[in-house]
Full PDB file with SEQRES, HELIX, SHEET, SSBOND, CRYST1, ORIGX, SCALE, CONECT and MASTER records, all heavy atoms in Angstrom:
SEQRES   1 A   33  ALA LYS GLU ILE ALA MET LEU GLN ARG ASN GLU LYS GLY          
SEQRES   2 A   33  LYS GLU ALA ARG LEU TYR PHE LEU GLU LEU GLU ARG ARG          
SEQRES   3 A   33  TRP ASN SER PRO GLU MET VAL                                  
HELIX    1 AA1 LYS A    2  LEU A    7  1                                   6    
HELIX    2 AA2 GLU A   11  TRP A   27  1                                  17    
CRYST1    1.000    1.000    1.000  90.00  90.00  90.00 P 1           1          
ORIGX1      1.000000  0.000000  0.000000        0.00000                         
ORIGX2      0.000000  1.000000  0.000000        0.00000                         
ORIGX3      0.000000  0.000000  1.000000        0.00000                         
SCALE1      1.000000  0.000000  0.000000        0.00000                         
SCALE2      0.000000  1.000000  0.000000        0.00000                         
SCALE3      0.000000  0.000000  1.000000        0.00000                         
ATOM      1  N   ALA A   1       5.652 100.803 112.572  1.00  0.00           N  
ATOM      2  CA  ALA A   1       6.731 101.110 113.598  1.00  0.00           C  
ATOM      3  C   ALA A   1       6.912 102.506 114.060  1.00  0.00           C  
ATOM      4  O   ALA A   1       7.112 102.787 115.194  1.00  0.00           O  
ATOM      5  CB  ALA A   1       8.015 100.525 113.025  1.00  0.00           C  
ATOM      6  N   LYS A   2       6.729 103.437 113.052  1.00  0.00           N  
ATOM      7  CA  LYS A   2       6.947 104.876 113.302  1.00  0.00           C  
ATOM      8  C   LYS A   2       5.832 105.368 114.318  1.00  0.00           C  
ATOM      9  O   LYS A   2       6.030 106.064 115.174  1.00  0.00           O  
ATOM     10  CB  LYS A   2       6.869 105.738 112.060  1.00  0.00           C  
ATOM     11  CG  LYS A   2       8.119 105.815 111.259  1.00  0.00           C  
ATOM     12  CD  LYS A   2       8.049 106.723 110.110  1.00  0.00           C  
ATOM     13  CE  LYS A   2       6.790 106.609 109.232  1.00  0.00           C  
ATOM     14  NZ  LYS A   2       6.755 107.539 108.081  1.00  0.00           N  
ATOM     15  N   GLU A   3       4.595 104.888 113.941  1.00  0.00           N  
ATOM     16  CA  GLU A   3       3.494 105.319 114.841  1.00  0.00           C  
ATOM     17  C   GLU A   3       3.548 104.745 116.224  1.00  0.00           C  
ATOM     18  O   GLU A   3       3.254 105.435 117.266  1.00  0.00           O  
ATOM     19  CB  GLU A   3       2.098 104.799 114.194  1.00  0.00           C  
ATOM     20  CG  GLU A   3       1.788 105.603 112.900  1.00  0.00           C  
ATOM     21  CD  GLU A   3       0.279 105.238 112.445  1.00  0.00           C  
ATOM     22  OE1 GLU A   3      -0.560 105.265 113.255  1.00  0.00           O  
ATOM     23  OE2 GLU A   3       0.166 104.860 111.251  1.00  0.00           O  
ATOM     24  N   ILE A   4       4.043 103.470 116.299  1.00  0.00           N  
ATOM     25  CA  ILE A   4       4.213 102.960 117.644  1.00  0.00           C  
ATOM     26  C   ILE A   4       5.283 103.731 118.478  1.00  0.00           C  
ATOM     27  O   ILE A   4       5.115 104.055 119.675  1.00  0.00           O  
ATOM     28  CB  ILE A   4       4.626 101.467 117.585  1.00  0.00           C  
ATOM     29  CG1 ILE A   4       3.323 100.639 117.166  1.00  0.00           C  
ATOM     30  CG2 ILE A   4       5.065 100.910 118.854  1.00  0.00           C  
ATOM     31  CD1 ILE A   4       3.611  99.107 117.000  1.00  0.00           C  
ATOM     32  N   ALA A   5       6.277 104.052 117.774  1.00  0.00           N  
ATOM     33  CA  ALA A   5       7.336 104.889 118.404  1.00  0.00           C  
ATOM     34  C   ALA A   5       6.860 106.142 118.937  1.00  0.00           C  
ATOM     35  O   ALA A   5       7.165 106.629 119.965  1.00  0.00           O  
ATOM     36  CB  ALA A   5       8.503 105.071 117.335  1.00  0.00           C  
ATOM     37  N   MET A   6       5.942 106.803 118.121  1.00  0.00           N  
ATOM     38  CA  MET A   6       5.457 108.063 118.577  1.00  0.00           C  
ATOM     39  C   MET A   6       4.455 107.911 119.785  1.00  0.00           C  
ATOM     40  O   MET A   6       4.392 108.810 120.608  1.00  0.00           O  
ATOM     41  CB  MET A   6       4.587 108.767 117.378  1.00  0.00           C  
ATOM     42  CG  MET A   6       5.345 109.198 116.206  1.00  0.00           C  
ATOM     43  SD  MET A   6       4.435 109.694 114.871  1.00  0.00           S  
ATOM     44  CE  MET A   6       3.438 111.035 115.558  1.00  0.00           C  
ATOM     45  N   LEU A   7       3.810 106.707 119.864  1.00  0.00           N  
ATOM     46  CA  LEU A   7       2.833 106.510 120.853  1.00  0.00           C  
ATOM     47  C   LEU A   7       3.617 106.425 122.274  1.00  0.00           C  
ATOM     48  O   LEU A   7       3.008 106.560 123.281  1.00  0.00           O  
ATOM     49  CB  LEU A   7       2.047 105.317 120.697  1.00  0.00           C  
ATOM     50  CG  LEU A   7       1.053 105.349 119.525  1.00  0.00           C  
ATOM     51  CD1 LEU A   7       0.450 103.941 119.215  1.00  0.00           C  
ATOM     52  CD2 LEU A   7      -0.069 106.301 119.887  1.00  0.00           C  
ATOM     53  N   GLN A   8       4.910 106.084 122.269  1.00  0.00           N  
ATOM     54  CA  GLN A   8       5.618 105.852 123.496  1.00  0.00           C  
ATOM     55  C   GLN A   8       5.852 107.241 124.183  1.00  0.00           C  
ATOM     56  O   GLN A   8       5.897 107.234 125.455  1.00  0.00           O  
ATOM     57  CB  GLN A   8       6.963 105.219 123.191  1.00  0.00           C  
ATOM     58  CG  GLN A   8       6.911 103.856 122.438  1.00  0.00           C  
ATOM     59  CD  GLN A   8       5.849 102.972 123.012  1.00  0.00           C  
ATOM     60  OE1 GLN A   8       5.875 102.579 124.120  1.00  0.00           O  
ATOM     61  NE2 GLN A   8       4.873 102.604 122.094  1.00  0.00           N  
ATOM     62  N   ARG A   9       5.920 108.323 123.519  1.00  0.00           N  
ATOM     63  CA  ARG A   9       6.035 109.666 124.159  1.00  0.00           C  
ATOM     64  C   ARG A   9       7.226 109.663 125.056  1.00  0.00           C  
ATOM     65  O   ARG A   9       7.132 110.201 126.226  1.00  0.00           O  
ATOM     66  CB  ARG A   9       4.799 109.972 124.826  1.00  0.00           C  
ATOM     67  CG  ARG A   9       3.610 110.258 123.760  1.00  0.00           C  
ATOM     68  CD  ARG A   9       2.293 110.466 124.458  1.00  0.00           C  
ATOM     69  NE  ARG A   9       1.215 110.558 123.536  1.00  0.00           N  
ATOM     70  CZ  ARG A   9      -0.059 110.748 123.879  1.00  0.00           C  
ATOM     71  NH1 ARG A   9      -0.419 110.662 125.166  1.00  0.00           N  
ATOM     72  NH2 ARG A   9      -1.048 110.757 122.959  1.00  0.00           N  
ATOM     73  N   ASN A  10       8.416 109.232 124.668  1.00  0.00           N  
ATOM     74  CA  ASN A  10       9.596 109.315 125.440  1.00  0.00           C  
ATOM     75  C   ASN A  10      10.722 109.420 124.443  1.00  0.00           C  
ATOM     76  O   ASN A  10      10.627 109.467 123.275  1.00  0.00           O  
ATOM     77  CB  ASN A  10       9.743 108.157 126.476  1.00  0.00           C  
ATOM     78  CG  ASN A  10       9.663 106.844 125.643  1.00  0.00           C  
ATOM     79  OD1 ASN A  10      10.162 106.671 124.491  1.00  0.00           O  
ATOM     80  ND2 ASN A  10       9.270 105.733 126.327  1.00  0.00           N  
ATOM     81  N   GLU A  11      12.024 109.613 125.014  1.00  0.00           N  
ATOM     82  CA  GLU A  11      13.113 109.789 124.163  1.00  0.00           C  
ATOM     83  C   GLU A  11      13.373 108.631 123.270  1.00  0.00           C  
ATOM     84  O   GLU A  11      13.856 108.727 122.167  1.00  0.00           O  
ATOM     85  CB  GLU A  11      14.366 110.106 125.166  1.00  0.00           C  
ATOM     86  CG  GLU A  11      14.354 111.519 125.654  1.00  0.00           C  
ATOM     87  CD  GLU A  11      14.300 112.612 124.617  1.00  0.00           C  
ATOM     88  OE1 GLU A  11      15.014 112.585 123.617  1.00  0.00           O  
ATOM     89  OE2 GLU A  11      13.549 113.579 124.704  1.00  0.00           O  
ATOM     90  N   LYS A  12      13.287 107.403 123.833  1.00  0.00           N  
ATOM     91  CA  LYS A  12      13.520 106.106 123.058  1.00  0.00           C  
ATOM     92  C   LYS A  12      12.629 106.132 121.828  1.00  0.00           C  
ATOM     93  O   LYS A  12      12.929 105.814 120.726  1.00  0.00           O  
ATOM     94  CB  LYS A  12      13.421 104.913 123.954  1.00  0.00           C  
ATOM     95  CG  LYS A  12      14.326 104.942 125.047  1.00  0.00           C  
ATOM     96  CD  LYS A  12      15.806 104.683 124.535  1.00  0.00           C  
ATOM     97  CE  LYS A  12      16.110 103.432 123.881  1.00  0.00           C  
ATOM     98  NZ  LYS A  12      17.542 103.194 123.601  1.00  0.00           N  
ATOM     99  N   GLY A  13      11.207 106.486 122.103  1.00  0.00           N  
ATOM    100  CA  GLY A  13      10.312 106.564 120.976  1.00  0.00           C  
ATOM    101  C   GLY A  13      10.671 107.578 119.993  1.00  0.00           C  
ATOM    102  O   GLY A  13      10.567 107.289 118.825  1.00  0.00           O  
ATOM    103  N   LYS A  14      11.020 108.815 120.333  1.00  0.00           N  
ATOM    104  CA  LYS A  14      11.537 109.822 119.439  1.00  0.00           C  
ATOM    105  C   LYS A  14      12.737 109.438 118.677  1.00  0.00           C  
ATOM    106  O   LYS A  14      12.798 109.659 117.395  1.00  0.00           O  
ATOM    107  CB  LYS A  14      11.878 110.989 120.292  1.00  0.00           C  
ATOM    108  CG  LYS A  14      12.222 112.245 119.399  1.00  0.00           C  
ATOM    109  CD  LYS A  14      12.508 113.438 120.272  1.00  0.00           C  
ATOM    110  CE  LYS A  14      13.035 114.626 119.346  1.00  0.00           C  
ATOM    111  NZ  LYS A  14      13.293 115.825 120.267  1.00  0.00           N  
ATOM    112  N   GLU A  15      13.733 108.730 119.384  1.00  0.00           N  
ATOM    113  CA  GLU A  15      14.883 108.262 118.663  1.00  0.00           C  
ATOM    114  C   GLU A  15      14.548 107.248 117.631  1.00  0.00           C  
ATOM    115  O   GLU A  15      15.037 107.322 116.479  1.00  0.00           O  
ATOM    116  CB  GLU A  15      15.824 107.774 119.633  1.00  0.00           C  
ATOM    117  CG  GLU A  15      17.290 107.368 119.117  1.00  0.00           C  
ATOM    118  CD  GLU A  15      18.141 106.792 120.188  1.00  0.00           C  
ATOM    119  OE1 GLU A  15      17.809 106.707 121.305  1.00  0.00           O  
ATOM    120  OE2 GLU A  15      19.325 106.450 119.821  1.00  0.00           O  
ATOM    121  N   ALA A  16      13.659 106.379 117.899  1.00  0.00           N  
ATOM    122  CA  ALA A  16      13.218 105.306 117.007  1.00  0.00           C  
ATOM    123  C   ALA A  16      12.522 105.815 115.831  1.00  0.00           C  
ATOM    124  O   ALA A  16      12.787 105.445 114.618  1.00  0.00           O  
ATOM    125  CB  ALA A  16      12.359 104.304 117.708  1.00  0.00           C  
ATOM    126  N   ARG A  17      11.638 106.793 116.056  1.00  0.00           N  
ATOM    127  CA  ARG A  17      10.949 107.444 114.895  1.00  0.00           C  
ATOM    128  C   ARG A  17      11.907 108.202 114.037  1.00  0.00           C  
ATOM    129  O   ARG A  17      11.672 108.185 112.793  1.00  0.00           O  
ATOM    130  CB  ARG A  17       9.891 108.467 115.546  1.00  0.00           C  
ATOM    131  CG  ARG A  17       9.152 109.212 114.510  1.00  0.00           C  
ATOM    132  CD  ARG A  17       7.997 110.175 115.094  1.00  0.00           C  
ATOM    133  NE  ARG A  17       7.442 110.965 114.039  1.00  0.00           N  
ATOM    134  CZ  ARG A  17       7.918 112.116 113.628  1.00  0.00           C  
ATOM    135  NH1 ARG A  17       9.065 112.585 114.030  1.00  0.00           N  
ATOM    136  NH2 ARG A  17       7.305 112.746 112.691  1.00  0.00           N  
ATOM    137  N   LEU A  18      12.878 108.960 114.547  1.00  0.00           N  
ATOM    138  CA  LEU A  18      13.750 109.669 113.753  1.00  0.00           C  
ATOM    139  C   LEU A  18      14.688 108.671 112.797  1.00  0.00           C  
ATOM    140  O   LEU A  18      14.945 108.942 111.616  1.00  0.00           O  
ATOM    141  CB  LEU A  18      14.674 110.618 114.510  1.00  0.00           C  
ATOM    142  CG  LEU A  18      14.015 111.810 115.210  1.00  0.00           C  
ATOM    143  CD1 LEU A  18      14.996 112.558 116.110  1.00  0.00           C  
ATOM    144  CD2 LEU A  18      13.481 112.749 114.014  1.00  0.00           C  
ATOM    145  N   TYR A  19      14.857 107.569 113.484  1.00  0.00           N  
ATOM    146  CA  TYR A  19      15.676 106.543 112.854  1.00  0.00           C  
ATOM    147  C   TYR A  19      14.952 105.930 111.626  1.00  0.00           C  
ATOM    148  O   TYR A  19      15.426 105.805 110.548  1.00  0.00           O  
ATOM    149  CB  TYR A  19      16.091 105.347 113.880  1.00  0.00           C  
ATOM    150  CG  TYR A  19      16.741 104.163 113.255  1.00  0.00           C  
ATOM    151  CD1 TYR A  19      18.009 104.234 112.734  1.00  0.00           C  
ATOM    152  CD2 TYR A  19      16.000 103.022 113.120  1.00  0.00           C  
ATOM    153  CE1 TYR A  19      18.530 103.136 112.205  1.00  0.00           C  
ATOM    154  CE2 TYR A  19      16.583 101.822 112.593  1.00  0.00           C  
ATOM    155  CZ  TYR A  19      17.829 101.970 112.078  1.00  0.00           C  
ATOM    156  OH  TYR A  19      18.463 100.832 111.538  1.00  0.00           O  
ATOM    157  N   PHE A  20      13.605 105.654 111.928  1.00  0.00           N  
ATOM    158  CA  PHE A  20      12.758 105.064 110.782  1.00  0.00           C  
ATOM    159  C   PHE A  20      12.574 106.105 109.687  1.00  0.00           C  
ATOM    160  O   PHE A  20      12.540 105.786 108.463  1.00  0.00           O  
ATOM    161  CB  PHE A  20      11.445 104.651 111.379  1.00  0.00           C  
ATOM    162  CG  PHE A  20      11.612 103.556 112.266  1.00  0.00           C  
ATOM    163  CD1 PHE A  20      10.665 103.450 113.505  1.00  0.00           C  
ATOM    164  CD2 PHE A  20      12.353 102.487 112.035  1.00  0.00           C  
ATOM    165  CE1 PHE A  20      10.794 102.363 114.363  1.00  0.00           C  
ATOM    166  CE2 PHE A  20      12.445 101.411 112.914  1.00  0.00           C  
ATOM    167  CZ  PHE A  20      11.655 101.378 114.113  1.00  0.00           C  
ATOM    168  N   LEU A  21      12.462 107.499 110.029  1.00  0.00           N  
ATOM    169  CA  LEU A  21      12.318 108.527 108.973  1.00  0.00           C  
ATOM    170  C   LEU A  21      13.534 108.505 108.083  1.00  0.00           C  
ATOM    171  O   LEU A  21      13.488 108.645 106.938  1.00  0.00           O  
ATOM    172  CB  LEU A  21      12.100 109.824 109.615  1.00  0.00           C  
ATOM    173  CG  LEU A  21      10.741 110.049 110.265  1.00  0.00           C  
ATOM    174  CD1 LEU A  21      10.774 111.383 111.044  1.00  0.00           C  
ATOM    175  CD2 LEU A  21       9.690 110.139 109.193  1.00  0.00           C  
ATOM    176  N   GLU A  22      14.793 108.371 108.676  1.00  0.00           N  
ATOM    177  CA  GLU A  22      15.938 108.413 107.903  1.00  0.00           C  
ATOM    178  C   GLU A  22      16.058 107.091 107.090  1.00  0.00           C  
ATOM    179  O   GLU A  22      16.435 107.159 105.929  1.00  0.00           O  
ATOM    180  CB  GLU A  22      17.203 108.390 108.884  1.00  0.00           C  
ATOM    181  CG  GLU A  22      18.562 108.390 108.171  1.00  0.00           C  
ATOM    182  CD  GLU A  22      18.776 109.637 107.220  1.00  0.00           C  
ATOM    183  OE1 GLU A  22      18.034 110.613 107.310  1.00  0.00           O  
ATOM    184  OE2 GLU A  22      19.674 109.512 106.396  1.00  0.00           O  
ATOM    185  N   LEU A  23      15.572 105.938 107.659  1.00  0.00           N  
ATOM    186  CA  LEU A  23      15.588 104.702 106.827  1.00  0.00           C  
ATOM    187  C   LEU A  23      14.753 104.985 105.527  1.00  0.00           C  
ATOM    188  O   LEU A  23      15.117 104.558 104.423  1.00  0.00           O  
ATOM    189  CB  LEU A  23      15.037 103.534 107.580  1.00  0.00           C  
ATOM    190  CG  LEU A  23      16.025 102.865 108.561  1.00  0.00           C  
ATOM    191  CD1 LEU A  23      15.285 101.710 109.208  1.00  0.00           C  
ATOM    192  CD2 LEU A  23      17.290 102.467 107.793  1.00  0.00           C  
ATOM    193  N   GLU A  24      13.479 105.597 105.787  1.00  0.00           N  
ATOM    194  CA  GLU A  24      12.547 105.753 104.587  1.00  0.00           C  
ATOM    195  C   GLU A  24      13.205 106.754 103.724  1.00  0.00           C  
ATOM    196  O   GLU A  24      13.061 106.546 102.413  1.00  0.00           O  
ATOM    197  CB  GLU A  24      11.345 106.415 105.237  1.00  0.00           C  
ATOM    198  CG  GLU A  24      10.276 105.387 105.721  1.00  0.00           C  
ATOM    199  CD  GLU A  24       8.942 105.948 106.090  1.00  0.00           C  
ATOM    200  OE1 GLU A  24       8.932 107.049 106.694  1.00  0.00           O  
ATOM    201  OE2 GLU A  24       7.958 105.432 105.631  1.00  0.00           O  
ATOM    202  N   ARG A  25      13.868 107.793 104.144  1.00  0.00           N  
ATOM    203  CA  ARG A  25      14.423 108.721 103.229  1.00  0.00           C  
ATOM    204  C   ARG A  25      15.449 108.024 102.255  1.00  0.00           C  
ATOM    205  O   ARG A  25      15.511 108.293 101.157  1.00  0.00           O  
ATOM    206  CB  ARG A  25      15.095 109.879 104.024  1.00  0.00           C  
ATOM    207  CG  ARG A  25      15.589 110.984 103.155  1.00  0.00           C  
ATOM    208  CD  ARG A  25      16.395 112.016 103.901  1.00  0.00           C  
ATOM    209  NE  ARG A  25      17.703 111.457 104.396  1.00  0.00           N  
ATOM    210  CZ  ARG A  25      18.825 111.168 103.657  1.00  0.00           C  
ATOM    211  NH1 ARG A  25      18.681 111.642 102.293  1.00  0.00           N  
ATOM    212  NH2 ARG A  25      19.871 110.672 103.939  1.00  0.00           N  
ATOM    213  N   ARG A  26      16.264 107.252 102.812  1.00  0.00           N  
ATOM    214  CA  ARG A  26      17.295 106.537 102.182  1.00  0.00           C  
ATOM    215  C   ARG A  26      16.691 105.421 101.223  1.00  0.00           C  
ATOM    216  O   ARG A  26      17.074 105.344 100.065  1.00  0.00           O  
ATOM    217  CB  ARG A  26      18.334 105.842 103.035  1.00  0.00           C  
ATOM    218  CG  ARG A  26      19.120 106.839 103.898  1.00  0.00           C  
ATOM    219  CD  ARG A  26      20.288 106.185 104.572  1.00  0.00           C  
ATOM    220  NE  ARG A  26      21.012 107.035 105.504  1.00  0.00           N  
ATOM    221  CZ  ARG A  26      22.266 106.888 105.773  1.00  0.00           C  
ATOM    222  NH1 ARG A  26      22.983 105.737 105.416  1.00  0.00           N  
ATOM    223  NH2 ARG A  26      22.913 107.671 106.522  1.00  0.00           N  
ATOM    224  N   TRP A  27      15.649 104.779 101.720  1.00  0.00           N  
ATOM    225  CA  TRP A  27      15.047 103.770 100.855  1.00  0.00           C  
ATOM    226  C   TRP A  27      14.325 104.396  99.617  1.00  0.00           C  
ATOM    227  O   TRP A  27      14.366 103.738  98.622  1.00  0.00           O  
ATOM    228  CB  TRP A  27      14.010 103.054 101.772  1.00  0.00           C  
ATOM    229  CG  TRP A  27      13.298 101.944 101.152  1.00  0.00           C  
ATOM    230  CD1 TRP A  27      11.973 102.079 100.614  1.00  0.00           C  
ATOM    231  CD2 TRP A  27      13.604 100.593 100.884  1.00  0.00           C  
ATOM    232  NE1 TRP A  27      11.593 100.803 100.051  1.00  0.00           N  
ATOM    233  CE2 TRP A  27      12.690  99.948 100.257  1.00  0.00           C  
ATOM    234  CE3 TRP A  27      14.848  99.871 101.239  1.00  0.00           C  
ATOM    235  CZ2 TRP A  27      12.673  98.628  99.774  1.00  0.00           C  
ATOM    236  CZ3 TRP A  27      14.809  98.586 100.824  1.00  0.00           C  
ATOM    237  CH2 TRP A  27      13.858  97.894 100.200  1.00  0.00           C  
ATOM    238  N   ASN A  28      13.771 105.551  99.797  1.00  0.00           N  
ATOM    239  CA  ASN A  28      13.106 106.191  98.702  1.00  0.00           C  
ATOM    240  C   ASN A  28      13.888 107.278  97.953  1.00  0.00           C  
ATOM    241  O   ASN A  28      13.423 107.944  96.971  1.00  0.00           O  
ATOM    242  CB  ASN A  28      11.807 106.974  99.182  1.00  0.00           C  
ATOM    243  CG  ASN A  28      10.871 105.940  99.841  1.00  0.00           C  
ATOM    244  OD1 ASN A  28      10.574 104.901  99.285  1.00  0.00           O  
ATOM    245  ND2 ASN A  28      10.190 106.295 100.951  1.00  0.00           N  
ATOM    246  N   SER A  29      15.208 107.225  98.221  1.00  0.00           N  
ATOM    247  CA  SER A  29      16.157 108.132  97.377  1.00  0.00           C  
ATOM    248  C   SER A  29      16.154 107.635  96.005  1.00  0.00           C  
ATOM    249  O   SER A  29      16.095 106.390  95.737  1.00  0.00           O  
ATOM    250  CB  SER A  29      17.569 108.164  97.976  1.00  0.00           C  
ATOM    251  OG  SER A  29      18.170 106.878  97.888  1.00  0.00           O  
ATOM    252  N   PRO A  30      16.391 108.506  95.008  1.00  0.00           N  
ATOM    253  CA  PRO A  30      16.528 108.139  93.587  1.00  0.00           C  
ATOM    254  C   PRO A  30      17.452 107.038  93.368  1.00  0.00           C  
ATOM    255  O   PRO A  30      17.319 106.060  92.510  1.00  0.00           O  
ATOM    256  CB  PRO A  30      16.841 109.353  92.876  1.00  0.00           C  
ATOM    257  CG  PRO A  30      16.406 110.533  93.767  1.00  0.00           C  
ATOM    258  CD  PRO A  30      16.582 110.047  95.172  1.00  0.00           C  
ATOM    259  N   GLU A  31      18.661 107.031  94.076  1.00  0.00           N  
ATOM    260  CA  GLU A  31      19.649 106.035  93.836  1.00  0.00           C  
ATOM    261  C   GLU A  31      19.104 104.687  94.328  1.00  0.00           C  
ATOM    262  O   GLU A  31      19.364 103.690  93.643  1.00  0.00           O  
ATOM    263  CB  GLU A  31      20.972 106.376  94.755  1.00  0.00           C  
ATOM    264  CG  GLU A  31      21.645 107.619  94.262  1.00  0.00           C  
ATOM    265  CD  GLU A  31      20.908 108.862  94.789  1.00  0.00           C  
ATOM    266  OE1 GLU A  31      20.028 108.758  95.586  1.00  0.00           O  
ATOM    267  OE2 GLU A  31      21.469 109.916  94.425  1.00  0.00           O  
ATOM    268  N   MET A  32      18.431 104.598  95.478  1.00  0.00           N  
ATOM    269  CA  MET A  32      17.994 103.314  95.826  1.00  0.00           C  
ATOM    270  C   MET A  32      16.769 102.726  95.103  1.00  0.00           C  
ATOM    271  O   MET A  32      16.805 101.642  94.796  1.00  0.00           O  
ATOM    272  CB  MET A  32      17.504 103.389  97.371  1.00  0.00           C  
ATOM    273  CG  MET A  32      18.634 103.499  98.289  1.00  0.00           C  
ATOM    274  SD  MET A  32      19.824 102.058  98.247  1.00  0.00           S  
ATOM    275  CE  MET A  32      18.738 100.775  98.784  1.00  0.00           C  
ATOM    276  N   VAL A  33      15.923 103.677  94.625  1.00  0.00           N  
ATOM    277  CA  VAL A  33      14.868 103.279  93.729  1.00  0.00           C  
ATOM    278  C   VAL A  33      15.452 102.759  92.465  1.00  0.00           C  
ATOM    279  O   VAL A  33      15.016 101.668  91.944  1.00  0.00           O  
ATOM    280  CB  VAL A  33      13.922 104.481  93.399  1.00  0.00           C  
ATOM    281  CG1 VAL A  33      12.964 104.100  92.371  1.00  0.00           C  
ATOM    282  CG2 VAL A  33      13.239 104.917  94.677  1.00  0.00           C  
TER     283      VAL A  33                                                      
MASTER        0    0    0    2    0    0    0    6  282    1    0    3          
END                                                                             
């Protein structure tokens, strides 16, 4: 999903990528693990 968002090369794609990065950060946080 992140790679597809980057391929769009527009604001919506950038917004989606940043959203997925934040999801990953939270998912892999010590508390969630």
